[in-house]
Every structure is written in C-alpha cells, then in structure tokens.
PDB file of N, CA and C in Angstrom:
ATOM      1  N   MET A   1     -16.019  12.489 -18.444  1.00  0.00           N
ATOM      2  CA  MET A   1     -16.161  11.777 -19.819  1.00  0.00           C
ATOM      3  C   MET A   1     -14.816  10.344 -19.515  1.00  0.00           C
ATOM      4  N   VAL A   2     -14.039  10.535 -19.042  1.00  0.00           N
ATOM      5  CA  VAL A   2     -12.929   9.035 -18.831  1.00  0.00           C
ATOM      6  C   VAL A   2     -13.565   8.312 -17.833  1.00  0.00           C
ATOM      7  N   ASP A   3     -14.344   8.597 -16.623  1.00  0.00           N
ATOM      8  CA  ASP A   3     -14.857   8.258 -16.158  1.00  0.00           C
ATOM      9  C   ASP A   3     -16.154   7.246 -16.786  1.00  0.00           C
ATOM     10  N   ASP A   4     -16.857   7.685 -17.707  1.00  0.00           N
ATOM     11  CA  ASP A   4     -17.750   7.229 -18.644  1.00  0.00           C
ATOM     12  C   ASP A   4     -17.268   5.797 -19.453  1.00  0.00           C
ATOM     13  N   CYS A   5     -16.293   6.266 -19.811  1.00  0.00           N
ATOM     14  CA  CYS A   5     -15.355   5.343 -20.770  1.00  0.00           C
ATOM     15  C   CYS A   5     -14.804   4.338 -20.043  1.00  0.00           C
ATOM     16  N   ILE A   6     -14.400   4.237 -18.577  1.00  0.00           N
ATOM     17  CA  ILE A   6     -13.986   3.311 -18.045  1.00  0.00           C
ATOM     18  C   ILE A   6     -15.021   2.421 -17.440  1.00  0.00           C
ATOM     19  N   ALA A   7     -16.146   3.050 -17.153  1.00  0.00           N
ATOM     20  CA  ALA A   7     -17.388   2.321 -16.674  1.00  0.00           C
ATOM     21  C   ALA A   7     -17.834   1.441 -17.849  1.00  0.00           C
ATOM     22  N   ARG A   8     -17.891   2.109 -19.401  1.00  0.00           N
ATOM     23  CA  ARG A   8     -18.395   1.229 -20.440  1.00  0.00           C
ATOM     24  C   ARG A   8     -17.279   0.080 -20.693  1.00  0.00           C
ATOM     25  N   LEU A   9     -16.006   0.416 -20.551  1.00  0.00           N
ATOM     26  CA  LEU A   9     -14.921  -0.602 -20.660  1.00  0.00           C
ATOM     27  C   LEU A   9     -15.364  -1.789 -19.685  1.00  0.00           C
ATOM     28  N   LYS A  10     -15.533  -1.584 -18.719  1.00  0.00           N
ATOM     29  CA  LYS A  10     -15.645  -2.717 -17.797  1.00  0.00           C
ATOM     30  C   LYS A  10     -17.410  -3.351 -18.050  1.00  0.00           C
ATOM     31  N   GLU A  11     -18.110  -2.306 -18.147  1.00  0.00           N
ATOM     32  CA  GLU A  11     -19.437  -3.171 -18.594  1.00  0.00           C
ATOM     33  C   GLU A  11     -19.032  -4.054 -19.992  1.00  0.00           C
ATOM     34  N   MET A  12     -18.295  -3.785 -20.952  1.00  0.00           N
ATOM     35  CA  MET A  12     -17.749  -5.264 -21.606  1.00  0.00           C
ATOM     36  C   MET A  12     -16.834  -5.792 -21.561  1.00  0.00           C
ATOM     37  N   GLY A  13     -16.312  -5.748 -20.424  1.00  0.00           N
ATOM     38  CA  GLY A  13     -15.276  -7.026 -19.956  1.00  0.00           C
ATOM     39  C   GLY A  13     -13.680  -6.595 -20.508  1.00  0.00           C
ATOM     40  N   PHE A  14     -13.518  -5.255 -20.917  1.00  0.00           N
ATOM     41  CA  PHE A  14     -12.283  -5.333 -21.233  1.00  0.00           C
ATOM     42  C   PHE A  14     -11.355  -4.868 -19.854  1.00  0.00           C
ATOM     43  N   LEU A  15     -11.869  -4.312 -18.877  1.00  0.00           N
ATOM     44  CA  LEU A  15     -11.435  -3.838 -18.023  1.00  0.00           C
ATOM     45  C   LEU A  15     -11.421  -5.154 -16.557  1.00  0.00           C
ATOM     46  N   ASP A  16     -11.255  -6.149 -16.553  1.00  0.00           N
ATOM     47  CA  ASP A  16     -11.231  -7.314 -15.830  1.00  0.00           C
ATOM     48  C   ASP A  16     -10.197  -7.911 -15.421  1.00  0.00           C
ATOM     49  N   ASP A  17      -9.682  -7.343 -13.883  1.00  0.00           N
ATOM     50  CA  ASP A  17      -8.039  -8.078 -13.383  1.00  0.00           C
ATOM     51  C   ASP A  17      -8.229  -8.835 -13.280  1.00  0.00           C
ATOM     52  N   ARG A  18      -9.510  -9.737 -13.356  1.00  0.00           N
ATOM     53  CA  ARG A  18      -9.438 -11.277 -12.521  1.00  0.00           C
ATOM     54  C   ARG A  18      -8.967 -11.910 -13.725  1.00  0.00           C
ATOM     55  N   ARG A  19      -9.782 -11.633 -15.374  1.00  0.00           N
ATOM     56  CA  ARG A  19      -9.607 -12.230 -16.321  1.00  0.00           C
ATOM     57  C   ARG A  19      -8.145 -11.849 -16.604  1.00  0.00           C
ATOM     58  N   TYR A  20      -7.910 -11.038 -16.664  1.00  0.00           N
ATOM     59  CA  TYR A  20      -6.326 -10.798 -17.267  1.00  0.00           C
ATOM     60  C   TYR A  20      -5.386 -11.833 -16.503  1.00  0.00           C
ATOM     61  N   ALA A  21      -5.354 -11.877 -15.064  1.00  0.00           N
ATOM     62  CA  ALA A  21      -4.350 -12.343 -14.263  1.00  0.00           C
ATOM     63  C   ALA A  21      -4.571 -13.811 -14.553  1.00  0.00           C
ATOM     64  N   GLU A  22      -5.666 -14.171 -14.851  1.00  0.00           N
ATOM     65  CA  GLU A  22      -6.000 -15.872 -15.415  1.00  0.00           C
ATOM     66  C   GLU A  22      -5.285 -16.286 -16.533  1.00  0.00           C
ATOM     67  N   SER A  23      -5.317 -15.118 -17.441  1.00  0.00           N
ATOM     68  CA  SER A  23      -5.148 -15.739 -19.059  1.00  0.00           C
ATOM     69  C   SER A  23      -3.764 -15.175 -18.864  1.00  0.00           C
ATOM     70  N   TYR A  24      -3.198 -14.122 -18.006  1.00  0.00           N
ATOM     71  CA  TYR A  24      -1.581 -13.904 -18.340  1.00  0.00           C
ATOM     72  C   TYR A  24      -0.818 -15.428 -17.489  1.00  0.00           C
ATOM     73  N   ALA A  25      -1.339 -15.920 -16.405  1.00  0.00           N
ATOM     74  CA  ALA A  25      -0.788 -16.705 -15.755  1.00  0.00           C
ATOM     75  C   ALA A  25      -0.854 -18.237 -16.531  1.00  0.00           C
ATOM     76  N   ALA A  26      -1.941 -18.261 -17.276  1.00  0.00           N
ATOM     77  CA  ALA A  26      -2.233 -19.623 -17.895  1.00  0.00           C
ATOM     78  C   ALA A  26      -1.064 -19.739 -19.035  1.00  0.00           C
ATOM     79  N   TYR A  27      -1.051 -18.502 -19.656  1.00  0.00           N
ATOM     80  CA  TYR A  27      -0.363 -18.191 -20.823  1.00  0.00           C
ATOM     81  C   TYR A  27       1.540 -18.115 -20.537  1.00  0.00           C
ATOM     82  N   ARG A  28       1.564 -17.634 -19.356  1.00  0.00           N
ATOM     83  CA  ARG A  28       2.684 -18.067 -18.964  1.00  0.00           C
ATOM     84  C   ARG A  28       3.528 -19.162 -18.465  1.00  0.00           C
ATOM     85  N   SER A  29       2.212 -19.877 -17.571  1.00  0.00           N
ATOM     86  CA  SER A  29       3.232 -21.224 -17.299  1.00  0.00           C
ATOM     87  C   SER A  29       2.895 -22.361 -18.311  1.00  0.00           C
ATOM     88  N   SER A  30       2.305 -21.931 -19.456  1.00  0.00           N
ATOM     89  CA  SER A  30       2.468 -22.975 -20.480  1.00  0.00           C
ATOM     90  C   SER A  30       3.922 -22.477 -21.172  1.00  0.00           C
ATOM     91  N   ALA A  31       3.793 -21.612 -21.636  1.00  0.00           N
ATOM     92  CA  ALA A  31       5.111 -20.852 -22.418  1.00  0.00           C
ATOM     93  C   ALA A  31       6.268 -21.129 -21.710  1.00  0.00           C
ATOM     94  N   LYS A  32       6.440 -21.002 -20.324  1.00  0.00           N
ATOM     95  CA  LYS A  32       7.682 -21.709 -19.968  1.00  0.00           C
ATOM     96  C   LYS A  32       7.402 -22.186 -18.580  1.00  0.00           C
ATOM     97  N   PRO A  33       7.701 -23.077 -18.111  1.00  0.00           N
ATOM     98  CA  PRO A  33       7.244 -24.059 -17.159  1.00  0.00           C
ATOM     99  C   PRO A  33       7.704 -22.847 -15.555  1.00  0.00           C
ATOM    100  N   MET A  34       6.858 -22.337 -14.734  1.00  0.00           N
ATOM    101  CA  MET A  34       7.374 -21.661 -13.836  1.00  0.00           C
ATOM    102  C   MET A  34       6.027 -21.807 -12.718  1.00  0.00           C
ATOM    103  N   GLY A  35       6.472 -21.338 -11.384  1.00  0.00           N
ATOM    104  CA  GLY A  35       5.966 -21.880 -10.272  1.00  0.00           C
ATOM    105  C   GLY A  35       4.707 -20.438  -9.654  1.00  0.00           C
ATOM    106  N   ARG A  36       4.123 -20.996  -8.919  1.00  0.00           N
ATOM    107  CA  ARG A  36       3.115 -19.899  -8.207  1.00  0.00           C
ATOM    108  C   ARG A  36       3.835 -18.920  -8.008  1.00  0.00           C
ATOM    109  N   SER A  37       4.896 -18.766  -7.073  1.00  0.00           N
ATOM    110  CA  SER A  37       5.546 -17.493  -6.775  1.00  0.00           C
ATOM    111  C   SER A  37       5.814 -16.211  -7.652  1.00  0.00           C
ATOM    112  N   ARG A  38       6.807 -17.076  -8.669  1.00  0.00           N
ATOM    113  CA  ARG A  38       7.541 -16.105  -9.715  1.00  0.00           C
ATOM    114  C   ARG A  38       5.871 -15.406 -10.373  1.00  0.00           C
ATOM    115  N   LEU A  39       4.902 -16.134 -10.754  1.00  0.00           N
ATOM    116  CA  LEU A  39       3.533 -15.680 -11.432  1.00  0.00           C
ATOM    117  C   LEU A  39       3.319 -14.559 -10.793  1.00  0.00           C
ATOM    118  N   ALA A  40       2.932 -15.082  -9.325  1.00  0.00           N
ATOM    119  CA  ALA A  40       2.606 -14.024  -8.419  1.00  0.00           C
ATOM    120  C   ALA A  40       3.334 -12.400  -8.165  1.00  0.00           C
ATOM    121  N   ARG A  41       4.823 -13.025  -8.128  1.00  0.00           N
ATOM    122  CA  ARG A  41       5.292 -11.695  -8.727  1.00  0.00           C
ATOM    123  C   ARG A  41       5.499 -10.608  -9.603  1.00  0.00           C
ATOM    124  N   GLU A  42       4.895 -11.558 -10.885  1.00  0.00           N
ATOM    125  CA  GLU A  42       4.837 -10.907 -12.210  1.00  0.00           C
ATOM    126  C   GLU A  42       3.605 -10.043 -12.249  1.00  0.00           C
ATOM    127  N   LEU A  43       2.703 -10.885 -11.656  1.00  0.00           N
ATOM    128  CA  LEU A  43       1.312  -9.996 -11.573  1.00  0.00           C
ATOM    129  C   LEU A  43       1.603  -8.892 -10.916  1.00  0.00           C
ATOM    130  N   SER A  44       1.731  -9.093  -9.491  1.00  0.00           N
ATOM    131  CA  SER A  44       1.772  -8.128  -8.380  1.00  0.00           C
ATOM    132  C   SER A  44       2.640  -6.718  -8.804  1.00  0.00           C
ATOM    133  N   VAL A  45       3.621  -6.923  -9.819  1.00  0.00           N
ATOM    134  CA  VAL A  45       4.595  -6.062 -10.420  1.00  0.00           C
ATOM    135  C   VAL A  45       3.511  -5.291 -11.492  1.00  0.00           C
ATOM    136  N   LYS A  46       2.553  -6.064 -12.157  1.00  0.00           N
ATOM    137  CA  LYS A  46       1.655  -5.445 -13.309  1.00  0.00           C
ATOM    138  C   LYS A  46       0.058  -4.837 -12.006  1.00  0.00           C
ATOM    139  N   LYS A  47       0.600  -4.501 -10.985  1.00  0.00           N
ATOM    140  CA  LYS A  47      -0.603  -3.651 -10.216  1.00  0.00           C
ATOM    141  C   LYS A  47      -1.771  -4.423 -10.041  1.00  0.00           C
ATOM    142  N   VAL A  48      -1.710  -5.964 -10.123  1.00  0.00           N
ATOM    143  CA  VAL A  48      -3.255  -6.582  -9.258  1.00  0.00           C
ATOM    144  C   VAL A  48      -2.936  -6.769  -8.263  1.00  0.00           C
ATOM    145  N   GLY A  49      -4.275  -6.885  -7.516  1.00  0.00           N
ATOM    146  CA  GLY A  49      -4.178  -7.058  -6.366  1.00  0.00           C
ATOM    147  C   GLY A  49      -3.758  -8.389  -5.996  1.00  0.00           C
ATOM    148  N   ALA A  50      -3.731  -8.317  -4.827  1.00  0.00           N
ATOM    149  CA  ALA A  50      -3.226  -9.428  -3.923  1.00  0.00           C
ATOM    150  C   ALA A  50      -4.447 -10.693  -4.212  1.00  0.00           C
ATOM    151  N   SER A  51      -5.522 -10.412  -3.717  1.00  0.00           N
ATOM    152  CA  SER A  51      -6.535 -11.388  -3.914  1.00  0.00           C
ATOM    153  C   SER A  51      -6.844 -11.839  -5.240  1.00  0.00           C
ATOM    154  N   THR A  52      -6.843 -11.071  -5.960  1.00  0.00           N
ATOM    155  CA  THR A  52      -7.246 -11.593  -7.465  1.00  0.00           C
ATOM    156  C   THR A  52      -6.142 -12.315  -7.695  1.00  0.00           C
ATOM    157  N   ILE A  53      -4.956 -12.352  -7.722  1.00  0.00           N
ATOM    158  CA  ILE A  53      -3.834 -12.571  -8.039  1.00  0.00           C
ATOM    159  C   ILE A  53      -3.845 -14.481  -7.200  1.00  0.00           C
ATOM    160  N   GLN A  54      -4.224 -14.425  -6.071  1.00  0.00           N
ATOM    161  CA  GLN A  54      -4.463 -15.370  -5.648  1.00  0.00           C
ATOM    162  C   GLN A  54      -5.438 -16.171  -6.097  1.00  0.00           C
ATOM    163  N   GLU A  55      -6.930 -15.981  -6.443  1.00  0.00           N
ATOM    164  CA  GLU A  55      -7.774 -16.344  -7.263  1.00  0.00           C
ATOM    165  C   GLU A  55      -7.423 -17.003  -8.437  1.00  0.00           C
ATOM    166  N   ALA A  56      -6.509 -16.011  -9.385  1.00  0.00           N
ATOM    167  CA  ALA A  56      -6.243 -16.325 -10.331  1.00  0.00           C
ATOM    168  C   ALA A  56      -5.529 -17.443 -10.922  1.00  0.00           C
ATOM    169  N   LEU A  57      -4.321 -17.734  -9.595  1.00  0.00           N
ATOM    170  CA  LEU A  57      -3.568 -18.731  -9.884  1.00  0.00           C
ATOM    171  C   LEU A  57      -4.278 -20.039  -9.013  1.00  0.00           C
ATOM    172  N   ASP A  58      -5.340 -19.933  -8.158  1.00  0.00           N
ATOM    173  CA  ASP A  58      -5.744 -20.930  -8.060  1.00  0.00           C
ATOM    174  C   ASP A  58      -6.750 -21.906  -8.871  1.00  0.00           C
ATOM    175  N   SER A  59      -7.119 -20.926  -9.893  1.00  0.00           N
ATOM    176  CA  SER A  59      -8.123 -21.573 -10.758  1.00  0.00           C
ATOM    177  C   SER A  59      -6.901 -21.827 -12.021  1.00  0.00           C
ATOM    178  N   VAL A  60      -5.843 -21.606 -12.001  1.00  0.00           N
ATOM    179  CA  VAL A  60      -5.012 -21.840 -13.326  1.00  0.00           C
ATOM    180  C   VAL A  60      -4.324 -23.489 -12.778  1.00  0.00           C
ATOM    181  N   PHE A  61      -3.402 -23.233 -11.263  1.00  0.00           N
ATOM    182  CA  PHE A  61      -2.875 -24.151 -10.696  1.00  0.00           C
ATOM    183  C   PHE A  61      -3.987 -25.133 -10.283  1.00  0.00           C
ATOM    184  N   GLN A  62      -4.144 -26.393 -11.133  1.00  0.00           N
ATOM    185  CA  GLN A  62      -5.198 -26.982 -10.414  1.00  0.00           C
ATOM    186  C   GLN A  62      -4.047 -28.226  -9.601  1.00  0.00           C
ATOM    187  N   ALA A  63      -4.790 -28.957  -9.121  1.00  0.00           N
ATOM    188  CA  ALA A  63      -4.453 -30.188  -8.346  1.00  0.00           C
ATOM    189  C   ALA A  63      -2.668 -31.069  -9.086  1.00  0.00           C
ATOM    190  N   GLY A  64      -1.924 -30.802  -8.817  1.00  0.00           N
ATOM    191  CA  GLY A  64      -0.979 -31.642  -9.785  1.00  0.00           C
ATOM    192  C   GLY A  64       0.094 -30.834 -10.777  1.00  0.00           C
ATOM    193  N   GLU A  65      -0.731 -29.941 -11.071  1.00  0.00           N
ATOM    194  CA  GLU A  65      -0.476 -29.515 -12.074  1.00  0.00           C
ATOM    195  C   GLU A  65       0.643 -28.701 -11.817  1.00  0.00           C
ATOM    196  N   GLU A  66       1.192 -27.941 -10.760  1.00  0.00           N
ATOM    197  CA  GLU A  66       2.559 -27.485 -10.607  1.00  0.00           C
ATOM    198  C   GLU A  66       3.703 -28.516 -10.263  1.00  0.00           C
ATOM    199  N   GLU A  67       3.689 -29.749  -9.993  1.00  0.00           N
ATOM    200  CA  GLU A  67       3.921 -31.027 -10.291  1.00  0.00           C
ATOM    201  C   GLU A  67       4.300 -31.121 -11.628  1.00  0.00           C
ATOM    202  N   ALA A  68       3.744 -31.285 -12.234  1.00  0.00           N
ATOM    203  CA  ALA A  68       3.496 -31.359 -13.866  1.00  0.00           C
ATOM    204  C   ALA A  68       4.858 -29.982 -14.399  1.00  0.00           C
ATOM    205  N   LEU A  69       4.549 -29.157 -14.032  1.00  0.00           N
ATOM    206  CA  LEU A  69       5.509 -28.075 -14.473  1.00  0.00           C
ATOM    207  C   LEU A  69       7.015 -27.775 -14.366  1.00  0.00           C
ATOM    208  N   ILE A  70       7.132 -28.232 -13.080  1.00  0.00           N
ATOM    209  CA  ILE A  70       8.392 -28.278 -12.471  1.00  0.00           C
ATOM    210  C   ILE A  70       9.037 -29.611 -13.057  1.00  0.00           C
ATOM    211  N   ASP A  71       8.394 -30.583 -13.145  1.00  0.00           N
ATOM    212  CA  ASP A  71       9.028 -31.941 -14.154  1.00  0.00           C
ATOM    213  C   ASP A  71       9.456 -31.345 -15.308  1.00  0.00           C
ATOM    214  N   ARG A  72       8.798 -30.561 -16.104  1.00  0.00           N
ATOM    215  CA  ARG A  72       8.968 -30.176 -17.181  1.00  0.00           C
ATOM    216  C   ARG A  72      10.368 -29.252 -17.460  1.00  0.00           C
ATOM    217  N   ALA A  73      10.053 -28.475 -16.603  1.00  0.00           N
ATOM    218  CA  ALA A  73      11.490 -27.695 -16.159  1.00  0.00           C
ATOM    219  C   ALA A  73      12.848 -28.178 -15.950  1.00  0.00           C
ATOM    220  N   ILE A  74      12.691 -29.672 -15.000  1.00  0.00           N
ATOM    221  CA  ILE A  74      13.880 -30.262 -14.449  1.00  0.00           C
ATOM    222  C   ILE A  74      14.025 -31.155 -15.842  1.00  0.00           C
ATOM    223  N   GLU A  75      13.187 -31.325 -16.757  1.00  0.00           N
ATOM    224  CA  GLU A  75      13.427 -32.017 -17.743  1.00  0.00           C
ATOM    225  C   GLU A  75      14.352 -31.357 -18.659  1.00  0.00           C
ATOM    226  N   LYS A  76      14.054 -30.033 -18.978  1.00  0.00           N
ATOM    227  CA  LYS A  76      14.777 -29.268 -19.842  1.00  0.00           C
ATOM    228  C   LYS A  76      16.132 -28.857 -19.609  1.00  0.00           C
ATOM    229  N   ARG A  77      16.109 -28.485 -18.220  1.00  0.00           N
ATOM    230  CA  ARG A  77      17.274 -28.758 -17.229  1.00  0.00           C
ATOM    231  C   ARG A  77      18.391 -29.445 -17.486  1.00  0.00           C
ATOM    232  N   ILE A  78      17.893 -30.896 -17.515  1.00  0.00           N
ATOM    233  CA  ILE A  78      18.548 -32.256 -17.728  1.00  0.00           C
ATOM    234  C   ILE A  78      18.843 -32.031 -19.183  1.00  0.00           C
ATOM    235  N   ARG A  79      18.651 -31.696 -20.213  1.00  0.00           N
ATOM    236  CA  ARG A  79      18.808 -31.401 -21.515  1.00  0.00           C
ATOM    237  C   ARG A  79      19.535 -30.993 -21.680  1.00  0.00           C
ATOM    238  N   THR A  80      19.686 -29.749 -21.338  1.00  0.00           N
ATOM    239  CA  THR A  80      20.770 -28.653 -21.545  1.00  0.00           C
ATOM    240  C   THR A  80      22.451 -28.899 -20.869  1.00  0.00           C
ATOM    241  N   ARG A  81      21.680 -29.011 -19.112  1.00  0.00           N
ATOM    242  CA  ARG A  81      22.946 -29.207 -18.520  1.00  0.00           C
ATOM    243  C   ARG A  81      23.360 -30.612 -17.836  1.00  0.00           C
ATOM    244  N   GLY A  82      22.436 -31.317 -18.382  1.00  0.00           N
ATOM    245  CA  GLY A  82      22.912 -33.167 -17.707  1.00  0.00           C
ATOM    246  C   GLY A  82      22.123 -33.144 -16.363  1.00  0.00           C
ATOM    247  N   ARG A  83      22.362 -34.376 -15.957  1.00  0.00           N
ATOM    248  CA  ARG A  83      21.709 -34.679 -14.542  1.00  0.00           C
ATOM    249  C   ARG A  83      22.900 -34.207 -13.550  1.00  0.00           C
ATOM    250  N   PRO A  84      22.402 -33.632 -12.518  1.00  0.00           N
ATOM    251  CA  PRO A  84      23.204 -33.101 -11.211  1.00  0.00           C
ATOM    252  C   PRO A  84      23.806 -34.195 -10.699  1.00  0.00           C
ATOM    253  N   MET A  85      25.016 -34.403 -10.819  1.00  0.00           N
ATOM    254  CA  MET A  85      26.385 -35.552 -10.563  1.00  0.00           C
ATOM    255  C   MET A  85      26.807 -35.167  -9.198  1.00  0.00           C
ATOM    256  N   ASP A  86      26.510 -34.226  -8.457  1.00  0.00           N
ATOM    257  CA  ASP A  86      27.308 -33.843  -7.122  1.00  0.00           C
ATOM    258  C   ASP A  86      26.650 -32.787  -6.687  1.00  0.00           C
ATOM    259  N   GLN A  87      27.048 -32.609  -5.179  1.00  0.00           N
ATOM    260  CA  GLN A  87      26.069 -31.832  -4.651  1.00  0.00           C
ATOM    261  C   GLN A  87      26.263 -30.250  -5.145  1.00  0.00           C
ATOM    262  N   ALA A  88      27.125 -29.501  -5.768  1.00  0.00           N
ATOM    263  CA  ALA A  88      27.115 -28.422  -6.258  1.00  0.00           C
ATOM    264  C   ALA A  88      25.993 -28.125  -7.510  1.00  0.00           C
ATOM    265  N   ALA A  89      25.767 -29.077  -8.314  1.00  0.00           N
ATOM    266  CA  ALA A  89      25.258 -29.158  -9.566  1.00  0.00           C
ATOM    267  C   ALA A  89      23.534 -29.282  -8.828  1.00  0.00           C
ATOM    268  N   SER A  90      23.665 -30.117  -7.641  1.00  0.00           N
ATOM    269  CA  SER A  90      22.544 -30.200  -7.240  1.00  0.00           C
ATOM    270  C   SER A  90      21.681 -28.954  -6.937  1.00  0.00           C
ATOM    271  N   ARG A  91      22.763 -28.090  -6.196  1.00  0.00           N
ATOM    272  CA  ARG A  91      22.397 -26.826  -5.711  1.00  0.00           C
ATOM    273  C   ARG A  91      22.198 -25.715  -6.696  1.00  0.00           C
ATOM    274  N   ARG A  92      22.627 -25.928  -7.931  1.00  0.00           N
ATOM    275  CA  ARG A  92      22.352 -25.215  -9.004  1.00  0.00           C
ATOM    276  C   ARG A  92      21.011 -25.352  -9.627  1.00  0.00           C
ATOM    277  N   LEU A  93      20.477 -26.529  -9.803  1.00  0.00           N
ATOM    278  CA  LEU A  93      19.402 -26.814 -10.206  1.00  0.00           C
ATOM    279  C   LEU A  93      18.493 -26.321  -9.018  1.00  0.00           C
ATOM    280  N   PHE A  94      18.767 -26.526  -7.920  1.00  0.00           N
ATOM    281  CA  PHE A  94      17.880 -25.922  -6.830  1.00  0.00           C
ATOM    282  C   PHE A  94      17.434 -24.465  -7.051  1.00  0.00           C
ATOM    283  N   GLN A  95      18.511 -23.938  -6.870  1.00  0.00           N
ATOM    284  CA  GLN A  95      18.633 -22.203  -7.206  1.00  0.00           C
ATOM    285  C   GLN A  95      17.354 -22.066  -8.757  1.00  0.00           C
ATOM    286  N   HIS A  96      17.848 -22.690  -9.572  1.00  0.00           N
ATOM    287  CA  HIS A  96      17.289 -22.120 -10.939  1.00  0.00           C
ATOM    288  C   HIS A  96      15.888 -22.704 -10.829  1.00  0.00           C
ATOM    289  N   LEU A  97      15.404 -23.560 -10.161  1.00  0.00           N
ATOM    290  CA  LEU A  97      14.065 -23.926  -9.632  1.00  0.00           C
ATOM    291  C   LEU A  97      13.574 -23.219  -9.099  1.00  0.00           C
ATOM    292  N   ALA A  98      13.800 -22.597  -7.915  1.00  0.00           N
ATOM    293  CA  ALA A  98      13.540 -21.565  -6.967  1.00  0.00           C
ATOM    294  C   ALA A  98      13.387 -20.229  -7.720  1.00  0.00           C
ATOM    295  N   ARG A  99      14.796 -19.849  -8.677  1.00  0.00           N
ATOM    296  CA  ARG A  99      14.316 -18.342  -9.751  1.00  0.00           C
ATOM    297  C   ARG A  99      13.107 -19.151 -10.217  1.00  0.00           C
ATOM    298  N   LEU A 100      12.720 -19.863 -10.631  1.00  0.00           N
ATOM    299  CA  LEU A 100      11.559 -20.115 -11.693  1.00  0.00           C
ATOM    300  C   LEU A 100       9.895 -19.907 -10.980  1.00  0.00           C
ATOM    301  N   GLY A 101      10.229 -19.638  -9.409  1.00  0.00           N
ATOM    302  CA  GLY A 101       9.186 -19.597  -8.339  1.00  0.00           C
ATOM    303  C   GLY A 101       8.540 -20.827  -7.599  1.00  0.00           C
ATOM    304  N   PHE A 102       9.337 -22.187  -8.127  1.00  0.00           N
ATOM    305  CA  PHE A 102       8.767 -23.036  -7.592  1.00  0.00           C
ATOM    306  C   PHE A 102       8.778 -22.971  -6.183  1.00  0.00           C
ATOM    307  N   SER A 103       7.888 -23.745  -5.409  1.00  0.00           N
ATOM    308  CA  SER A 103       8.197 -24.100  -3.535  1.00  0.00           C
ATOM    309  C   SER A 103       9.395 -24.599  -3.302  1.00  0.00           C
ATOM    310  N   TYR A 104       9.890 -24.195  -2.147  1.00  0.00           N
ATOM    311  CA  TYR A 104      10.931 -25.210  -1.705  1.00  0.00           C
ATOM    312  C   TYR A 104      10.932 -26.568  -1.611  1.00  0.00           C
ATOM    313  N   GLU A 105       9.523 -26.857  -1.084  1.00  0.00           N
ATOM    314  CA  GLU A 105       9.481 -28.402  -0.724  1.00  0.00           C
ATOM    315  C   GLU A 105       9.400 -29.273  -1.900  1.00  0.00           C
ATOM    316  N   LEU A 106       8.592 -28.683  -2.611  1.00  0.00           N
ATOM    317  CA  LEU A 106       8.131 -29.481  -3.973  1.00  0.00           C
ATOM    318  C   LEU A 106       9.881 -29.549  -4.550  1.00  0.00           C
ATOM    319  N   ILE A 107      10.585 -28.647  -4.880  1.00  0.00           N
ATOM    320  CA  ILE A 107      11.884 -28.556  -5.236  1.00  0.00           C
ATOM    321  C   ILE A 107      12.722 -29.557  -4.508  1.00  0.00           C
ATOM    322  N   ILE A 108      12.828 -29.590  -3.307  1.00  0.00           N
ATOM    323  CA  ILE A 108      13.563 -30.435  -2.759  1.00  0.00           C
ATOM    324  C   ILE A 108      12.841 -31.893  -2.827  1.00  0.00           C
ATOM    325  N   LYS A 109      11.667 -32.144  -2.782  1.00  0.00           N
ATOM    326  CA  LYS A 109      10.974 -33.600  -3.221  1.00  0.00           C
ATOM    327  C   LYS A 109      11.788 -34.204  -4.560  1.00  0.00           C
ATOM    328  N   LYS A 110      11.562 -33.382  -5.443  1.00  0.00           N
ATOM    329  CA  LYS A 110      12.117 -33.412  -6.811  1.00  0.00           C
ATOM    330  C   LYS A 110      13.680 -33.748  -7.028  1.00  0.00           C
ATOM    331  N   ILE A 111      14.207 -33.152  -6.291  1.00  0.00           N
ATOM    332  CA  ILE A 111      15.661 -33.374  -6.174  1.00  0.00           C
ATOM    333  C   ILE A 111      16.471 -34.448  -5.600  1.00  0.00           C
ATOM    334  N   ARG A 112      15.714 -34.892  -4.451  1.00  0.00           N
ATOM    335  CA  ARG A 112      15.524 -35.923  -3.939  1.00  0.00           C
ATOM    336  C   ARG A 112      15.518 -37.474  -4.703  1.00  0.00           C
ATOM    337  N   THR A 113      14.396 -36.921  -5.287  1.00  0.00           N
ATOM    338  CA  THR A 113      13.928 -38.311  -5.761  1.00  0.00           C
ATOM    339  C   THR A 113      14.599 -38.387  -7.376  1.00  0.00           C
ATOM    340  N   LEU A 114      15.411 -37.408  -7.954  1.00  0.00           N
ATOM    341  CA  LEU A 114      16.275 -37.052  -8.804  1.00  0.00           C
ATOM    342  C   LEU A 114      17.585 -38.028  -8.876  1.00  0.00           C
ATOM    343  N   ARG A 115      17.965 -37.442  -7.150  1.00  0.00           N
ATOM    344  CA  ARG A 115      19.254 -37.846  -6.934  1.00  0.00           C
ATOM    345  C   ARG A 115      19.318 -39.344  -6.326  1.00  0.00           C
ATOM    346  N   GLN A 116      17.980 -39.930  -6.114  1.00  0.00           N
ATOM    347  CA  GLN A 116      17.906 -41.480  -5.688  1.00  0.00           C
ATOM    348  C   GLN A 116      17.844 -42.109  -7.065  1.00  0.00           C
ATOM    349  N   GLY A 117      17.153 -41.502  -8.142  1.00  0.00           N
ATOM    350  CA  GLY A 117      17.064 -42.267  -9.740  1.00  0.00           C
ATOM    351  C   GLY A 117      18.519 -42.347 -10.077  1.00  0.00           C
ATOM    352  N   SER A 118      19.622 -41.845  -9.633  1.00  0.00           N
ATOM    353  CA  SER A 118      20.810 -41.734 -10.417  1.00  0.00           C
ATOM    354  C   SER A 118      21.535 -42.433  -9.700  1.00  0.00           C
ATOM    355  N   ASP A 119      21.445 -42.275  -8.445  1.00  0.00           N
ATOM    356  CA  ASP A 119      22.337 -43.651  -7.433  1.00  0.00           C
ATOM    357  C   ASP A 119      22.138 -44.977  -7.595  1.00  0.00           C
ATOM    358  N   GLN A 120      21.292 -45.000  -8.097  1.00  0.00           N
ATOM    359  CA  GLN A 120      20.691 -46.698  -8.392  1.00  0.00           C
ATOM    360  C   GLN A 120      21.193 -47.101  -9.653  1.00  0.00           C
TER     361      GLN A 120
END
C-alpha cells in the first residue's frame, strides 16, 4: 500500500527531488543572498542527491547570478557594519561571505575591488 502511495505521488509530481531542490535554492537565494556551496550543503542535509543538487544549482545560478548575489550581500554588510577600512575588517567580511557560501575566488575579487574603490 505504501509503495502504491509513493508511486501515485511521483506520478502527480509531488515527490520530485529536482523540482524541490530548484525551488528551495531559488527561494533561499532570493530571500538571503548566498552562494552555491552553502545551498549545496543545505540541500545535502535534506538528503537530496549530489547530481540533483548540481543540476538544480546550475539551473538557478545563471551566468552572473552569483556575482549579483554577492554584491547584494556586500551592500547589506556595508550598511550594517560600514566599509572595511583595515585588514582585520576585510578579513571579517571575507569570513562572512565564505559562510554565506560564495567561492573564494569571487570573494577575493570583490574585496579587492572594494578596497581599490576605498583607496581612491
């Protein structure tokens, strides 16, 4: 009986891991700017398969999407904490962005751009 119920739910589209992962990732990234790795961790905790996670994140994160999200996160951080004026503040911003799941290369690029803008 349980197998019949599960089969029926799959037929109706209620048990679709890929659709769940896509909608979860889209919702979470729009509610709070975060990167691919954090969303991947959250989905893996929810027992979604690695290939499904990768497909969902590829469909949610189009080209340039993650850069727009990190810009939003940086703007929010600057509004609450101010611009990083020294090495320690830049390190804290780096750690904050890393916890949000953005790639290290992207974080470094954005912090360098931010520091160059404040040096001028």
